[in-house]
Amino acid sequence: MDVFKGIKKFIEDRMAGGGAKTPFPASVVFERFREVLNCNNKALEIIADLGEKLSGDYIFDKQYINDSMKTLEEAVLQSVHALNSLSSGRYQELYAVYDRLTSRLHTVMAGREDRTGPIILDLKDITRPHAVIVGGKNSHLAQIAQNLGLKVPDGFVITTRAYHDLVDHNGLRRDVDAIEAMMDDPDVDVDAIEPLRIKLETSIAAAKPPPDLISLIGERLDEMKVRLGQDLMLAVRSSAQEEDMDFSFAGQFHTVLNVPADPLAVFDAYRSVAASLFGRRAIRYRLRVFPGEGHMSIAAGCYRMVDSKISGIVYTVDPSEPGGDTMMIVSVWGQGEAVVEGRASADTFYVKKGANPLLVRQKIAVKETGLYLKQGGGLETRPVPDALKDAPSLTVEQLEKLSIQAMQLENYYRRPQDIEWAIDGKGDICILQSRPLVVADTMAQQGSLAKALQKYELIVADTGAVAQQGIGAGLVYIVETVSDLDRFPEGAVLVSRRDSSQFIRVMHKTAAIVTEVGTPVSHMSTLCRELQIPCLVNVNGILSLVQNGMEVTVDAEDRRIYKGRVPELLAFKTSTNLNIAAAKEFRILKRLLNTVSSLNLVDPLMDNFVPEACETYHDILRFVHEKAVGELVEMGRDERRLLKDYWARPLDFPIPVGILVIDMGGGVSADVTGDKVPFSAITSIPFKTILEGLMFPGVWHTRAANIGFGDLVTSIVNVPTDALCGQYSGHNIAIITNDYLNLSLRFGYHFNIIDVYCSDRARDNHIYFRFLGGATDITKRSRRARLIAIILEAFGFNVESKGDIVIARSGNMPKVEIVRTLNILGRLVGFTRQLDVQMDSDEQVDRYAEAFLMGDYEIVNRR
């Protein structure tokens, strides 16, 4: 690490000495850009390897984690150094971001991340990094509210930081350390820890509040009373670190219901919840599911107590038919505690899943009593009115709404869910918790899965690459443009020609993703691994084999896609092998990857694409790559320096584009020695492809544009600001290598920049396109810009358009796809060259866009 500190100091010294004022030669910029790519690739390969280990197909130990994390830390730091070396130290703030994230990772590896952070967090403020201090149950509720928009009770969380403060303040640290040390032994005698367990349970139940805790609770209660009323009552629910995650801990910890909104009463309930961490049942459960692991802490959620008229449980899969498409809903009048504790008879409904859920059968119980809120606190049992005893507790309409929400939750968490819900006096459904539903893997136990699958029709087999393992079924929805995502249906299988990080918008309701083009190391693939979405990429020809609305089952375990729904596979998915998830190393790696692989900086066009917004190593790498591309683009702006430093030769080309060629290596055939570079001698793949696009039949129009006097005056007066800064004022210049192009073009009064890297490694590749200006008034120029934006979006670009400016980015594509796209880009530049003059109405935008997409380039001559 000392070497890296030395590099950092060198860059800082260079900045202090004014070195940044002297721009690097283009060849140096390009070589440093390559260095950025190399550093990023090394780091991304390590992240991909770490993520793959969570598939459950690998065995690894703590040493693997330690070694991988050390190598990753160095690789990410090298990327930061490489970008600063490329940019003359322009991104110094990345070092502070790197230090912050690295420190957090060290805390996770030491198992101490639950002792830091806020003491109390409002549910609305909980983000992904908070998961470890708010516990699984609270983390899920925050996700449900924020990401799915479903209603959950208003409230706040007393975090695990408060639990550790409570332990320390009451002198219990030594006892906690002692019992955790005993439980670290996988062969510990349960009876041997019993005295210490009882002591801790009793001591915490009577503990005194640490400083500030009561006042902080009081502040939150006052705020809630303003929002919800002075008669507020609370439910104080446990949320241990692993609770409701891979393990349910169902019924192992305390929940205290209908608590007065008084700070001392809430603290008293909180102590009861915290003490249950050392309850007899909870300790035995922990020893069973986490043998040899003693450390665990607990948070508590303090939520508005819902005065339930009806409540109950949804199993999104009928446990008796794990591969079926029927969910089971159990409900009672009043509070749901009557169901979870088996204290009352309940109705049972079976609903078939689908866009229009269908009640298939029901069993209505005689409900003599129900649990209701008791005046002053707690619950009480009351008789159910005679008119309601034999009546169904849910209407068909309520069942439909409840089923739709349940399917949303199942799609979001990628596995069947056990959902606790309530319906209040207003008829609103409120989700109280959602946790994984575990059912038996009967098919796997019988060893008959392979035989059972033989009867299903295969669409593809042994095709494509696995970006994320898993199994998903649903109706096909083909995404051709980003705007198609606006109509993406719940639970569909997304099929697209190319992968895109833009798919993050609908991943929460996607059953699986299949693309014809893509790589397992793309940003989209990373997001799929992070969100556990079954994903196959590079599935050749899939778009010709499926149609919108076709039901398919995607087996991203064995790279197969079946026609229709395959219950046996879904049953296999439903069954959960808990052994790997139980491993301590597995859970540490999972927490580390939260700070490593999640991608928050998805869109470089957004205002939050800044170093300070980086929450993971992956964010840093994304930022570094994007800004490195920006440095390349900027290189082409200094025309005078380029012409001074390099031998620029005119391109001998059939079309009068007037381009000067600067070859930095491998872009022009070596045997060309004359003053001009013939097109036939161009060996730069991206440059040659763009030129071929310009020459495509019908694209380059020679008819003179009919420019009116007003347009002419406008074009002279309103020369784009960028042009006046020297970027486009002189020659058309192409800086090239065999796999790189930086092209600045001026055609009349509009200007283009195209920056491309086109290598054999898909994740290195990018296309940057910038367009502005024109020879007409701003209305016509803006219409042409909108036309260009529509076409670029149709070919998968991420586009930003304002007035007559269009900026578009794409990347992470195989070379063959880059070449295909560049040819289209060349046609687009030629096709739209004089088109602003013809943009007399908004209708022309759609007319010319449709013509271009259909390959009708001669439309320009048919005006």
Foldseek 3Di string as FASTA:
>chain_A
DVVLVVLLVVLVVCVVVVVLVDADPLLVLVVLLVQLVVLLVVLLVLLLVLLVCLQPPDDDDLVVVVVSVVSNLVSLSSNVSSLCVSNSNPFVVLVVLSVVLVVCLVCLSVVNNLQDDDQKAWLCPDDDLCLQFQADWSNVQSCCCPVVVAFAFGFMKRTLNQVVLQCVVLVNVVLLVVQQQQQLALPRDLVVCVVSLVVLLVDLLVTDGGPPQLVVLLVRLVVVCVVPNQQWFKKKAKHKHCDLPLDPCQPQFDIFGGFGSHSVRNVSRQSRRQSSCSPSSNVVVCSVLQGSGRDIGMMIIIGTHFQFQKWEKKWCADLVQQLFQKIKTKMDGTDHVCVSVVVWDIKIWIWGDDPFIHTDDIDFAQTQWDWGADPPGDIDIDGDPPVPRRPHSDDPVRVRVVSVSLLLVCLQQVEIWIWIWGQHPVRGIHTHGIHHDAHDLVCVVVVCLVVLCVVFAWLDFPFFAWLFFDKFKAFEDEDLFLVSLVVDDARHEYEYQEDALSCVSCSSRYRAYEYLFFDSSALRSLQCSLSVHGYGYNGHPVVVRHDGGFIWMAGSVRGIITGHRDSSRSSNRNHDDSPQVSHPVSVSSNSSSSQARDEDLRDPVDPLLGSVNRRHSVSSSVSSSVVSLVSSLVSLQPVVVNVVPFLWAFEDAPDPQQETEGEPEAQFAPPDDDRYGYLVGGQALLVNLLSLLLVPPLLADDDDFPDDPQLQVCLVVCQDPSVVVRRQVDGFYWYGHNFWTWTWGDQRRKIKTWTWGADQQFQSTKIKIKIFTASGDQVLLLLLCVLVQVLVSSLPWDWDGDRNMIITMDTSTGNVSSSVVSSLVSSSCNLSSHCSSVCPDSVVSVVVSVCSVVVNSNVVVVD
